Protein backbone atom coordinates (compact mmCIF):
# COMPACT_ATOMS: atom_id res chain seq x y z
CA MET A 1 -109.54 60.86 40.53
CA PRO A 2 -110.95 63.11 37.62
CA TYR A 3 -108.70 66.34 36.76
CA LYS A 4 -111.20 69.58 37.82
CA ARG A 5 -110.43 73.07 36.28
CA ALA A 6 -110.01 75.11 39.36
CA ALA A 7 -112.08 77.85 39.79
CA GLY A 8 -110.67 81.27 37.98
CA GLN A 9 -108.59 79.55 35.72
CA GLY A 10 -108.72 79.82 32.10
CA THR A 11 -111.22 78.26 29.76
CA GLY A 12 -110.24 74.59 28.26
CA GLY A 13 -110.00 75.98 24.79
CA VAL A 14 -107.65 78.23 25.79
CA VAL A 15 -105.64 76.67 27.91
CA LEU A 16 -105.28 74.00 24.73
CA LEU A 17 -104.47 76.07 22.19
CA VAL A 18 -101.39 77.75 24.46
CA ALA A 19 -100.22 74.01 24.74
CA GLY A 20 -100.49 73.65 20.80
CA LEU A 21 -98.48 76.95 20.32
CA LEU A 22 -96.19 75.70 23.09
CA LEU A 23 -95.36 72.27 21.61
CA SER A 24 -95.38 73.84 18.07
CA SER A 25 -92.39 75.84 19.69
CA HIS A 26 -90.71 72.99 20.40
CA ILE A 27 -90.83 71.25 16.89
CA ALA A 28 -89.62 74.07 15.37
CA LEU A 29 -86.94 74.53 17.97
CA GLY A 30 -85.91 70.77 17.44
CA THR A 31 -86.32 70.41 13.77
CA HIS A 32 -83.60 73.46 13.50
CA ALA A 33 -81.38 71.48 15.47
CA ILE A 34 -81.89 68.30 13.59
CA PHE A 35 -80.55 70.14 9.92
CA SER A 36 -77.87 71.91 11.68
CA ALA A 37 -75.56 69.69 13.62
CA SER A 38 -73.41 67.68 12.00
CA GLN A 39 -73.24 63.67 12.86
CA THR A 40 -72.87 63.20 16.52
CA TYR A 41 -70.28 60.40 18.02
CA ASP A 42 -72.73 57.23 17.61
CA GLU A 43 -75.63 57.97 15.72
CA ALA A 44 -74.37 56.67 12.68
CA VAL A 45 -73.26 53.11 15.13
CA HIS A 46 -77.22 53.48 16.07
CA MET A 47 -78.95 53.85 12.98
CA ALA A 48 -76.96 51.13 10.97
CA SER A 49 -77.79 48.80 14.22
CA GLY A 50 -81.32 49.19 14.11
CA TYR A 51 -81.58 49.43 10.35
CA SER A 52 -79.35 45.41 10.43
CA PHE A 53 -81.67 44.56 13.14
CA TRP A 54 -84.72 45.03 10.93
CA LYS A 55 -83.40 43.16 7.60
CA SER A 56 -81.81 40.21 9.34
CA GLY A 57 -83.49 39.95 12.65
CA ARG A 58 -80.47 39.83 14.66
CA LEU A 59 -78.76 42.16 17.20
CA THR A 60 -75.19 41.98 15.83
CA ILE A 61 -73.91 45.67 15.66
CA ASP A 62 -74.16 47.46 19.25
CA ASP A 63 -75.27 45.08 21.25
CA THR A 64 -72.39 44.88 23.72
CA LEU A 65 -73.47 47.99 25.78
CA ASN A 66 -76.46 49.24 23.99
CA THR A 67 -79.99 48.36 23.89
CA PRO A 68 -81.93 48.14 20.34
CA LEU A 69 -85.27 49.94 20.90
CA PRO A 70 -84.49 53.55 20.29
CA PHE A 71 -82.58 52.69 16.99
CA LEU A 72 -85.57 50.48 15.90
CA ILE A 73 -87.35 53.13 16.24
CA ALA A 74 -84.89 55.52 14.62
CA SER A 75 -84.21 53.65 11.48
CA PHE A 76 -87.77 52.58 10.80
CA PRO A 77 -88.37 54.98 8.19
CA LEU A 78 -85.56 53.78 6.39
CA LEU A 79 -86.78 50.92 5.32
CA PHE A 80 -88.88 53.16 2.72
CA LEU A 81 -85.32 54.25 1.63
CA ASP A 82 -84.20 51.13 0.91
CA PRO A 83 -80.60 51.68 1.87
CA ASP A 84 -77.94 49.23 1.69
CA PRO A 85 -77.43 47.15 4.99
CA PHE A 86 -73.84 45.91 3.86
CA LEU A 87 -74.81 42.17 5.54
CA LYS A 88 -72.08 40.45 3.56
CA ASP A 89 -69.72 43.91 4.55
CA GLU A 90 -66.33 42.86 6.76
CA ALA A 91 -67.62 45.69 9.06
CA TYR A 92 -70.81 44.04 9.75
CA LEU A 93 -69.58 40.28 10.50
CA GLY A 94 -66.88 41.48 12.20
CA LYS A 95 -68.89 43.17 14.28
CA SER A 96 -66.88 46.38 13.99
CA HIS A 97 -69.24 48.51 14.80
CA TYR A 98 -67.81 52.38 13.86
CA ASN A 99 -66.33 51.05 10.63
CA TYR A 100 -69.70 49.74 9.91
CA GLY A 101 -71.37 52.85 11.27
CA GLU A 102 -69.30 54.74 8.96
CA LEU A 103 -69.87 52.33 6.05
CA PHE A 104 -73.49 52.28 6.31
CA LEU A 105 -74.09 56.35 6.48
CA TYR A 106 -71.42 57.69 4.10
CA ARG A 107 -70.90 54.68 1.27
CA ASN A 108 -74.43 54.02 1.13
CA ARG A 109 -76.90 54.37 -2.15
CA VAL A 110 -78.74 56.75 -0.33
CA PRO A 111 -76.93 59.94 0.92
CA ALA A 112 -76.06 60.56 4.05
CA GLU A 113 -77.65 63.26 5.16
CA ARG A 114 -81.17 61.78 3.89
CA LEU A 115 -80.26 58.59 6.09
CA LEU A 116 -79.14 60.97 8.79
CA HIS A 117 -82.14 63.79 8.82
CA THR A 118 -84.96 60.81 8.59
CA SER A 119 -83.73 59.09 11.17
CA ARG A 120 -83.33 61.88 13.88
CA LEU A 121 -87.29 63.75 12.43
CA PHE A 122 -88.59 60.63 12.60
CA ILE A 123 -87.87 59.83 16.40
CA PHE A 124 -88.09 63.31 17.12
CA LEU A 125 -91.70 63.91 15.37
CA VAL A 126 -92.87 61.12 17.06
CA LEU A 127 -91.74 60.78 20.82
CA SER A 128 -90.98 64.59 22.71
CA PRO A 129 -94.08 65.90 20.98
CA LEU A 130 -96.27 63.36 22.78
CA LEU A 131 -93.57 63.33 25.80
CA GLY A 132 -94.68 67.27 26.38
CA TRP A 133 -98.24 66.59 26.00
CA LEU A 134 -97.85 63.77 28.68
CA VAL A 135 -95.92 66.38 30.94
CA PHE A 136 -99.04 68.80 30.45
CA ARG A 137 -101.36 66.40 31.11
CA TRP A 138 -100.13 64.73 34.41
CA ALA A 139 -98.99 68.35 35.60
CA ARG A 140 -102.78 69.53 35.00
CA GLU A 141 -104.30 66.85 36.53
CA LEU A 142 -101.69 67.52 39.06
CA GLY A 143 -102.05 71.18 39.67
CA GLY A 144 -104.78 72.57 36.97
CA ASP A 145 -104.29 74.60 34.36
CA TYR A 146 -101.93 77.04 35.06
CA CYS A 147 -99.18 74.01 36.77
CA GLY A 148 -100.02 72.06 33.31
CA LEU A 149 -98.79 74.79 31.31
CA GLY A 150 -95.74 75.88 33.54
CA ALA A 151 -94.80 72.17 33.45
CA LEU A 152 -95.24 72.91 29.29
CA SER A 153 -93.08 75.89 29.11
CA LEU A 154 -90.67 73.98 30.71
CA TYR A 155 -90.54 71.08 28.78
CA ALA A 156 -91.09 72.80 25.28
CA PHE A 157 -87.90 75.22 26.04
CA SER A 158 -85.68 72.54 27.85
CA PRO A 159 -81.78 72.80 26.71
CA SER A 160 -81.51 69.48 27.49
CA ILE A 161 -84.58 68.01 25.74
CA LEU A 162 -83.91 70.01 22.70
CA ALA A 163 -80.44 68.82 22.85
CA ASN A 164 -81.12 65.09 23.01
CA ALA A 165 -84.41 64.80 21.59
CA PRO A 166 -83.41 65.58 18.17
CA LEU A 167 -80.56 62.64 18.25
CA ILE A 168 -80.27 59.41 17.14
CA ALA A 169 -79.12 57.96 21.10
CA ALA A 170 -80.84 55.86 23.85
CA ASP A 171 -81.32 58.41 26.46
CA PHE A 172 -84.08 60.77 25.17
CA THR A 173 -86.77 57.39 24.35
CA ALA A 174 -85.17 56.09 27.64
CA SER A 175 -86.55 59.14 29.43
CA PHE A 176 -89.73 59.29 27.77
CA PHE A 177 -90.42 55.22 28.45
CA VAL A 178 -89.78 56.25 32.48
CA PHE A 179 -91.80 58.88 32.29
CA LEU A 180 -94.61 56.79 30.99
CA SER A 181 -93.98 53.83 33.47
CA LEU A 182 -94.19 56.46 36.32
CA TYR A 183 -97.10 58.08 35.11
CA SER A 184 -98.74 54.96 34.42
CA LEU A 185 -98.21 53.50 37.83
CA ALA A 186 -99.75 56.74 39.20
CA ARG A 187 -102.69 56.65 37.78
CA ALA A 188 -102.37 52.39 38.64
CA ALA A 189 -102.15 53.28 42.50
CA LYS A 190 -105.35 55.65 42.25
CA ARG A 191 -107.60 52.92 41.34
CA GLU A 192 -109.99 51.34 43.23
CA HIS A 193 -111.05 48.38 41.02
CA GLY A 194 -109.05 46.83 37.84
CA ARG A 195 -105.63 47.36 39.15
CA GLY A 196 -104.08 44.33 38.01
CA ALA A 197 -105.00 45.18 34.42
CA MET A 198 -103.07 48.65 34.92
CA PHE A 199 -99.80 47.06 36.18
CA LEU A 200 -99.64 44.44 33.63
CA LEU A 201 -99.90 47.77 31.60
CA THR A 202 -97.13 49.83 33.59
CA GLY A 203 -94.83 46.34 33.54
CA PHE A 204 -95.08 46.25 29.92
CA LEU A 205 -93.69 50.14 29.73
CA VAL A 206 -91.11 49.24 32.48
CA GLY A 207 -90.03 46.48 29.62
CA LEU A 208 -90.23 49.17 27.36
CA ALA A 209 -87.65 51.52 29.13
CA LEU A 210 -85.46 48.28 29.77
CA THR A 211 -85.32 47.81 26.16
CA SER A 212 -84.68 51.51 25.48
CA LYS A 213 -81.57 52.16 28.26
CA HIS A 214 -79.68 49.71 30.63
CA SER A 215 -79.87 52.39 33.12
CA ALA A 216 -83.82 51.80 33.49
CA VAL A 217 -83.05 49.59 35.39
CA ILE A 218 -82.76 51.82 38.31
CA LEU A 219 -86.69 51.89 38.09
CA LEU A 220 -87.02 48.28 39.16
CA PRO A 221 -86.34 49.65 43.19
CA ILE A 222 -87.80 52.29 42.72
CA MET A 223 -91.41 51.85 41.36
CA PRO A 224 -91.88 49.81 44.61
CA PHE A 225 -90.38 52.07 47.29
CA CYS A 226 -92.54 55.25 45.21
CA ALA A 227 -95.60 53.00 45.46
CA ALA A 228 -95.51 52.00 49.11
CA ILE A 229 -94.70 55.92 50.13
CA HIS A 230 -98.26 56.83 48.26
CA SER A 231 -100.19 54.04 49.97
CA HIS A 232 -98.79 55.13 53.46
CA ARG A 233 -99.93 58.81 52.50
CA MET A 234 -102.92 57.09 51.37
CA GLY A 235 -103.93 55.47 54.40
CA ARG A 236 -103.70 52.02 52.34
CA PRO A 237 -101.85 48.89 53.57
CA VAL A 238 -98.17 49.32 52.22
CA PHE A 239 -97.97 45.42 51.80
CA SER A 240 -100.98 42.77 51.15
CA LYS A 241 -101.50 40.15 49.08
CA GLY A 242 -102.84 41.89 46.18
CA LEU A 243 -100.40 44.06 46.05
CA VAL A 244 -97.84 40.76 45.27
CA ALA A 245 -100.15 39.97 42.71
CA GLU A 246 -99.84 43.04 40.64
CA TRP A 247 -96.83 43.78 41.13
CA LEU A 248 -96.26 40.05 39.16
CA PHE A 249 -98.63 41.46 36.76
CA ALA A 250 -95.64 44.14 36.28
CA LEU A 251 -92.65 41.86 36.35
CA LEU A 252 -94.92 39.48 33.44
CA GLY A 253 -95.30 42.62 31.20
CA ALA A 254 -91.92 43.31 31.48
CA ALA A 255 -90.68 39.63 30.88
CA VAL A 256 -93.48 40.37 27.81
CA ALA A 257 -92.17 44.03 26.27
CA VAL A 258 -88.25 42.63 26.41
CA THR A 259 -89.10 39.83 24.43
CA LEU A 260 -91.32 41.62 21.79
CA VAL A 261 -88.29 43.88 21.56
CA TYR A 262 -85.38 40.89 21.51
CA GLY A 263 -86.83 38.12 20.40
CA PRO A 264 -87.48 35.05 22.97
CA ARG A 265 -84.27 33.85 21.19
CA GLN A 266 -81.86 36.89 21.73
CA ILE A 267 -82.91 37.52 25.69
CA PRO A 268 -79.66 36.51 26.86
CA LEU A 269 -77.87 39.31 25.01
CA TRP A 270 -79.51 41.93 27.12
CA ALA A 271 -79.01 40.14 30.11
CA HIS A 272 -75.19 40.17 28.94
CA ALA A 273 -75.29 43.32 28.59
CA LEU A 274 -76.92 44.61 31.47
CA ARG A 275 -74.05 42.33 33.41
CA ALA A 276 -71.21 44.56 31.60
CA THR A 277 -72.87 47.70 31.97
CA LEU A 278 -73.48 47.55 35.50
CA SER A 279 -69.72 46.39 35.74
CA ILE A 280 -68.24 49.70 33.43
CA VAL A 281 -70.35 51.92 36.07
CA GLY A 282 -69.97 50.08 39.17
CA GLY A 283 -66.15 49.30 38.02
CA GLY A 284 -64.92 52.64 36.61
CA ALA A 285 -63.24 50.89 33.66
CA GLY A 286 -65.34 53.34 30.95
CA ARG A 287 -63.76 56.55 29.59
CA ILE A 288 -61.94 59.04 31.80
CA CYS A 289 -64.32 61.37 33.51
CA TYR A 290 -63.82 64.98 33.23
CA LEU A 291 -64.92 67.72 35.73
CA PHE A 292 -63.48 71.45 36.22
CA GLY A 293 -60.15 70.91 34.48
CA GLU A 294 -59.40 67.67 36.18
CA THR A 295 -59.97 64.08 35.11
CA SER A 296 -60.34 60.79 36.46
CA ALA A 297 -60.83 57.25 36.22
CA ARG A 298 -63.51 56.95 38.74
CA GLY A 299 -65.61 60.30 38.62
CA TRP A 300 -67.01 61.86 41.52
CA TRP A 301 -69.76 61.61 43.65
CA TYR A 302 -70.61 64.91 43.06
CA TYR A 303 -70.66 64.77 39.39
CA PHE A 304 -74.05 64.13 37.73
CA PRO A 305 -75.88 66.69 41.07
CA VAL A 306 -73.06 69.58 39.63
CA ALA A 307 -73.56 69.26 35.92
CA PHE A 308 -77.70 69.39 36.77
CA LEU A 309 -76.48 72.87 38.44
CA MET A 310 -74.30 74.23 35.75
CA LYS A 311 -76.86 73.20 32.83
CA THR A 312 -79.90 73.39 34.19
CA PRO A 313 -81.73 77.07 33.20
CA LEU A 314 -81.62 79.22 36.06
CA PRO A 315 -85.50 79.76 36.88
CA HIS A 316 -85.89 76.59 36.71
CA LEU A 317 -83.96 75.87 39.45
CA LEU A 318 -85.71 78.33 41.13
CA LEU A 319 -88.86 77.04 40.47
CA MET A 320 -88.33 73.91 41.64
CA ALA A 321 -86.92 75.08 44.90
CA ALA A 322 -90.67 76.79 44.92
CA ALA A 323 -92.27 74.04 44.44
CA ILE A 324 -90.48 72.27 47.00
CA LEU A 325 -90.98 74.71 49.65
CA GLY A 326 -94.70 74.95 48.86
CA LEU A 327 -94.86 71.25 49.51
CA ALA A 328 -93.40 71.53 53.00
CA ALA A 329 -95.92 74.50 53.79
CA LYS A 330 -98.54 71.94 52.33
CA LYS A 331 -99.72 74.89 49.53
CA THR A 332 -100.07 71.65 47.25
CA GLU A 333 -103.69 70.23 48.02
CA PRO A 334 -103.53 66.77 49.83
CA ALA A 335 -104.71 64.45 47.23
CA ALA A 336 -102.32 65.86 44.86
CA ARG A 337 -99.38 66.18 47.38
CA GLY A 338 -99.06 62.67 47.92
CA GLU A 339 -99.16 61.72 43.75
CA PHE A 340 -96.92 64.74 43.20
CA LEU A 341 -94.10 63.20 46.99
CA ALA A 342 -94.81 59.22 45.81
CA PHE A 343 -94.27 59.63 41.91
CA VAL A 344 -92.56 62.81 40.91
CA LEU A 345 -90.29 63.90 43.75
CA ALA A 346 -89.23 61.06 44.70
CA PRO A 347 -88.52 59.26 41.75
CA ALA A 348 -86.07 62.43 40.15
CA ALA A 349 -84.70 62.28 43.41
CA LEU A 350 -83.82 59.00 43.95
CA TRP A 351 -82.70 58.52 40.62
CA MET A 352 -80.04 61.41 41.29
CA THR A 353 -78.99 59.64 44.27
CA ALA A 354 -78.66 56.47 42.28
CA THR A 355 -76.30 58.12 39.75
CA CYS A 356 -74.06 59.36 42.51
CA PHE A 357 -72.99 55.80 42.58
CA SER A 358 -71.74 55.60 39.03
CA HIS A 359 -68.22 56.01 37.67
CA PHE A 360 -69.55 56.32 34.15
CA GLN A 361 -69.56 59.80 33.82
CA ILE A 362 -69.56 61.81 30.51
CA GLY A 363 -72.80 63.39 30.00
CA ILE A 364 -75.46 64.68 31.87
CA ARG A 365 -77.86 62.79 29.12
CA HIS A 366 -77.33 59.81 31.68
CA ILE A 367 -79.75 61.34 34.49
CA LEU A 368 -81.99 62.88 31.15
CA PRO A 369 -84.79 60.63 32.73
CA ILE A 370 -85.33 63.28 35.40
CA ASN A 371 -86.33 66.63 32.82
CA PRO A 372 -89.28 65.66 32.39
CA LEU A 373 -90.38 65.30 36.11
CA CYS A 374 -88.19 68.18 37.02
CA CYS A 375 -90.53 70.10 34.20
CA VAL A 376 -93.83 69.09 36.35
CA VAL A 377 -91.70 70.30 40.03
CA GLY A 378 -91.44 73.22 37.98
CA GLY A 379 -95.07 73.50 36.96
CA VAL A 380 -96.53 72.93 40.47
CA ALA A 381 -94.17 76.13 41.52
CA VAL A 382 -95.95 77.84 38.39
CA ALA A 383 -99.58 76.79 39.85
CA GLN A 384 -98.59 77.79 43.62
CA CYS A 385 -97.54 80.91 42.91
CA TRP A 386 -100.43 82.09 40.82
CA LYS A 387 -103.12 80.65 42.82
CA THR A 388 -102.00 83.16 45.79
CA GLY A 389 -103.19 85.99 43.63
CA ILE A 390 -100.53 88.12 44.43
CA GLY A 391 -99.45 90.56 41.81
CA TRP A 392 -96.19 90.73 41.86
CA LEU A 393 -95.74 86.77 43.12
CA ARG A 394 -97.62 86.31 39.42
CA TRP A 395 -95.40 88.48 37.45
CA GLY A 396 -92.62 87.36 38.88
CA THR A 397 -93.26 83.13 38.04
CA GLY A 398 -94.19 85.58 34.26
CA LEU A 399 -90.86 86.72 33.92
CA LEU A 400 -88.77 83.54 35.22
CA LEU A 401 -90.62 81.52 32.52
CA LEU A 402 -89.77 84.56 30.05
CA TRP A 403 -85.99 84.34 30.98
CA TYR A 404 -86.40 81.05 30.69
CA ALA A 405 -87.25 81.35 27.28
CA ALA A 406 -85.21 83.68 25.91
CA GLY A 407 -81.89 82.16 27.42
CA THR A 408 -82.69 78.87 25.39
CA LEU A 409 -83.39 80.70 22.55
CA ALA A 410 -81.09 82.72 22.77
CA ILE A 411 -78.48 79.58 22.34
CA GLN A 412 -80.67 77.82 19.92
CA PRO A 413 -79.24 75.04 18.05
CA HIS A 414 -76.64 74.47 19.99
CA TYR A 415 -78.23 73.06 23.22
CA LEU A 416 -75.51 70.36 23.73
CA ALA A 417 -73.26 73.52 24.70
CA TYR A 418 -75.60 75.20 26.80
CA PHE A 419 -74.49 76.27 30.31
CA ASN A 420 -76.77 78.64 32.86
CA GLU A 421 -75.79 82.06 33.66
CA ALA A 422 -74.24 80.78 37.23
CA ALA A 423 -71.58 78.58 35.12
CA GLY A 424 -70.40 81.46 32.68
CA GLY A 425 -72.67 79.82 30.00
CA PRO A 426 -71.78 78.25 27.12
CA LYS A 427 -68.33 80.12 26.10
CA GLU A 428 -65.96 78.06 28.35
CA GLY A 429 -68.06 75.25 29.17
CA TYR A 430 -65.10 72.76 27.77
CA LYS A 431 -63.18 73.60 31.16
CA LEU A 432 -66.51 72.99 33.17
CA LEU A 433 -67.35 69.67 31.31
CA THR A 434 -66.54 67.67 28.10
CA ASP A 435 -67.80 65.32 25.58
CA SER A 436 -71.85 64.85 25.30
CA ASN A 437 -72.20 68.06 27.84
CA GLN A 438 -71.03 70.21 25.17
CA ASP A 439 -68.84 68.90 22.09
CA TRP A 440 -70.20 65.53 21.07
CA GLY A 441 -68.94 66.42 17.38
CA GLN A 442 -71.88 68.19 15.86
CA GLU A 443 -70.30 71.41 14.40
CA LEU A 444 -68.46 69.97 11.93
CA LYS A 445 -71.01 71.06 9.15
CA ALA A 446 -70.65 74.58 10.32
CA LEU A 447 -67.21 74.65 9.88
CA GLY A 448 -67.79 72.85 6.18
CA ARG A 449 -69.57 76.23 5.69
CA LEU A 450 -67.34 78.33 7.21
CA LEU A 451 -64.20 77.16 4.53
CA LYS A 452 -66.66 77.14 1.96
CA GLU A 453 -67.14 80.79 2.42
CA GLU A 454 -62.92 81.39 3.07
CA GLY A 455 -62.85 79.63 -0.46
CA ASN A 456 -62.26 75.78 0.91
CA PRO A 457 -58.83 76.25 2.35
CA PRO A 458 -57.39 73.45 3.81
CA ILE A 459 -57.20 73.24 7.93
CA TYR A 460 -54.92 71.82 10.74
CA LEU A 461 -58.09 69.94 12.38
CA SER A 462 -58.28 68.58 15.68
CA TYR A 463 -61.74 67.01 15.79
CA PHE A 464 -63.52 64.86 18.64
CA GLY A 465 -66.01 62.67 16.81
CA THR A 466 -66.62 60.09 14.08
CA ALA A 467 -68.28 62.15 10.86
CA ASP A 468 -66.94 62.44 7.87
CA PRO A 469 -64.90 65.65 7.32
CA HIS A 470 -64.79 64.97 3.31
CA PHE A 471 -67.92 64.93 3.48
CA TYR A 472 -68.56 68.49 4.42
CA GLY A 473 -66.15 69.13 1.91
CA ILE A 474 -63.49 69.87 4.21
CA ARG A 475 -59.77 69.59 3.65
CA TYR A 476 -57.46 68.68 6.57
CA VAL A 477 -54.73 67.87 8.00
CA PRO A 478 -55.44 65.80 11.53
CA LEU A 479 -54.20 67.33 14.80
CA LEU A 480 -54.73 65.04 17.52
CA PHE A 481 -57.86 63.34 16.43
CA PHE A 482 -60.19 61.48 18.89
CA CYS A 483 -61.89 59.06 16.72
CA GLU A 484 -62.92 55.51 16.61
CA PHE A 485 -60.66 54.80 13.42
CA PRO A 486 -57.39 56.65 12.04
CA ARG A 487 -58.29 59.40 9.38
CA ASP A 488 -55.70 60.51 7.45
CA GLY A 489 -56.74 63.37 5.94
CA ASP A 490 -55.17 64.62 2.62
CA ALA A 491 -52.12 65.58 0.80
CA VAL A 492 -51.99 69.01 1.45
CA GLU A 493 -50.17 71.66 3.16
CA PRO A 494 -52.55 74.58 5.02
CA PHE A 495 -49.66 77.00 5.69
CA ARG A 496 -49.72 77.30 1.93
CA SER A 497 -52.92 78.85 1.82
CA ARG A 498 -53.65 82.68 2.03
CA ARG A 499 -55.31 81.72 5.47
CA ILE A 500 -53.75 79.75 7.83
CA LEU A 501 -56.59 77.96 10.23
CA VAL A 502 -56.45 75.85 13.20
CA ALA A 503 -59.42 74.26 14.49
CA VAL A 504 -59.97 72.72 17.68
CA SER A 505 -63.00 70.61 19.28
CA GLY A 506 -63.96 71.49 22.96
CA THR A 507 -63.37 68.23 24.18
CA ASN A 508 -59.95 67.95 22.63
CA LEU A 509 -59.33 71.54 24.11
CA SER A 510 -59.80 70.40 27.64
CA ALA A 511 -57.50 67.60 26.93
CA ALA A 512 -59.61 65.09 28.56
CA TYR A 513 -58.86 62.24 26.65
CA ILE A 514 -55.23 62.97 25.83
CA ASN A 515 -52.20 62.01 27.93
CA ASP A 516 -50.30 65.31 28.18
CA LYS A 517 -52.89 67.65 29.70
CA GLN A 518 -50.69 70.43 28.80
CA VAL A 519 -50.56 70.16 24.44
CA TRP A 520 -53.06 72.77 23.72
CA SER A 521 -51.93 75.07 26.97
CA TRP A 522 -50.14 77.75 24.68
CA LEU A 523 -53.60 78.46 22.87
CA LYS A 524 -54.47 80.26 25.99
CA ASP A 525 -52.28 82.82 24.41
CA TYR A 526 -54.20 83.37 21.50
CA THR A 527 -57.91 84.57 20.50
CA PRO A 528 -60.18 82.37 17.94
CA TYR A 529 -61.34 83.85 15.18
CA LYS A 530 -64.51 81.96 15.23
CA VAL A 531 -66.28 79.78 17.97
CA LEU A 532 -68.51 77.33 16.58
CA GLY A 533 -71.40 76.48 18.54
CA TYR A 534 -69.75 77.20 21.31
CA SER A 535 -67.74 73.72 21.11
CA LEU A 536 -65.33 74.09 17.73
CA ALA A 537 -62.49 77.00 18.14
CA VAL A 538 -61.49 77.83 14.84
CA TYR A 539 -57.71 79.83 15.15
CA ASP A 540 -56.46 82.16 12.25
CA PHE A 541 -52.34 81.61 12.50
CA THR A 542 -51.78 83.32 9.11
CA GLU A 543 -49.19 86.22 10.69
CA GLN A 544 -48.39 83.71 14.10
CA PRO A 545 -45.04 81.70 13.41
CA ASP A 546 -44.82 81.07 17.22
CA ALA A 547 -48.14 79.28 17.15
CA LEU A 548 -47.30 77.62 13.78
CA LEU A 549 -44.13 76.21 15.64
CA HIS A 550 -46.14 74.39 18.00
CA VAL A 551 -48.47 72.81 15.47
CA ALA A 552 -45.51 71.43 13.79
CA GLU A 553 -44.53 70.25 17.65
CA ILE A 554 -47.77 68.51 17.67
CA LEU A 555 -47.11 67.08 13.95
CA ALA A 556 -43.88 65.49 15.40
CA ARG A 557 -45.61 63.50 18.47
CA GLN A 558 -47.73 62.26 15.42
CA GLY A 559 -44.87 60.49 13.74
CA GLN A 560 -45.79 62.85 10.65
CA ARG A 561 -41.96 63.95 9.95
CA GLU A 562 -42.38 65.08 6.48
CA ARG A 563 -45.03 67.36 7.21
CA THR A 564 -43.51 68.71 10.32
CA LEU A 565 -39.99 69.27 8.45
CA ALA A 566 -42.15 71.07 5.33
CA LEU A 567 -43.89 73.48 8.02
CA THR A 568 -40.74 74.13 9.97
CA ARG A 569 -38.84 74.99 6.83
CA TRP A 570 -41.13 77.18 5.79
CA LEU A 571 -40.83 79.24 8.86
CA GLN A 572 -37.92 79.21 8.54
CA GLN A 573 -37.57 81.14 4.77
CA ALA A 574 -40.77 83.25 6.56
CA GLN A 575 -38.41 84.97 9.15
CA ARG A 576 -35.54 85.49 6.53
CA PRO A 577 -35.08 89.04 5.94
């Protein structure tokens, strides 16, 4: 059904101008985040994986659980920079994923930040504005100009989108193709003729989603169910021979897409990795899950719903609630109501429900595909409130959107650490959720800047991540590092510096992946000197001998006998009258 502007709405030119301003704001915020953050946990591996695939034609690195399309897209511009792929190095030949990522990013002939920023910028600028435009377009078709602009406002300032879209990871690319698949299915379902070609295209987009992230397999049962809901509401047969043929076209399109991305000989890699992923998701054999200070090997059924409620801005939650109430009260036009329920609201609800059975719970990014759909849901509420013509309701809607944007601007560019006001904000988010929800190793660059301002003193560093501290000029002694390979640090003694600093990542501070859950409990008695990006706490223990005794104990646990003795002797001498 072609879009028609509702009576009383603004001219198309004004609407498009506002949409352009919103997308420009989104691009500016995301670009700032790209240049602010250090490499997050898996980015080096993903970038090296995609580039080596381009160069060798083989998916060798990062093939166990991940799919290649996001990394092929992100690494495409690197072909013009011509970094060394290190295809003959032992790290590549032995499939030592993280060692290969380290080699590719930090030991290449092209500077590390140029590689990182080029890949991030390319995948962000290609996909994120386009997804924003699709959110705007679909919402506009459903509810008019105000619906489109409301949805785009929520997308442009979404902390979850801004946290993940600028990174070299699979989650946002999968979200892009999941949304595009559902939009294509909605358009196919409304057509009277030529539906076969549209189902073929929809299937192809589903295939691209499947080669972006294995969790997109959730689409396979969701999409026929949603199409059946729409057919029922439109008074059409839910099952027919024609529909069977159309879904066969869709499966063909998906098979073509998977084959094009992997190549005919490597299709078994996709099936093998899918089985491995489903085994981890279903069996809880992945990382330890963390929620509200507790850890579990299998997680909790309510993990993702609770995480969603804590990390989604309150204005967005209120608008979604209003949209659902409006749908129940039949405030939405009948034609749009069926499409909205079948292809927007139902997929989001079903995706969230499916994740309740997952035992792999390390980040809200795993439910990122529902975020663009939730933006459309919020946009519907904006249109419903505006069309009432009630002044206080219009003003209230405008204030909600301003509150939403202000909350995002207040935390920029540290979007990964966002928690809404009901969750207590980002300051102590590490007590609620960890890993990619809050601290993914992104603040090492900020730490390097801080230490430069302090005269580059060596520090005790407890870092969660795989970025190289030396690249940011950090001289350090490792303290309960969480990395995929050993970091030896430097031959320095931070206690001899003018200022004795200890930096602890939020994920480590939560002790989520540390056996001794009380190892950092003594830090509650001390106030950080600085907290970088709400996720990396820096303590000044210059005049705190008791705190340094705890540091010595941790060094002893790590087997660093000489460092422990040196620090202990220095403390004994400092305490003598």
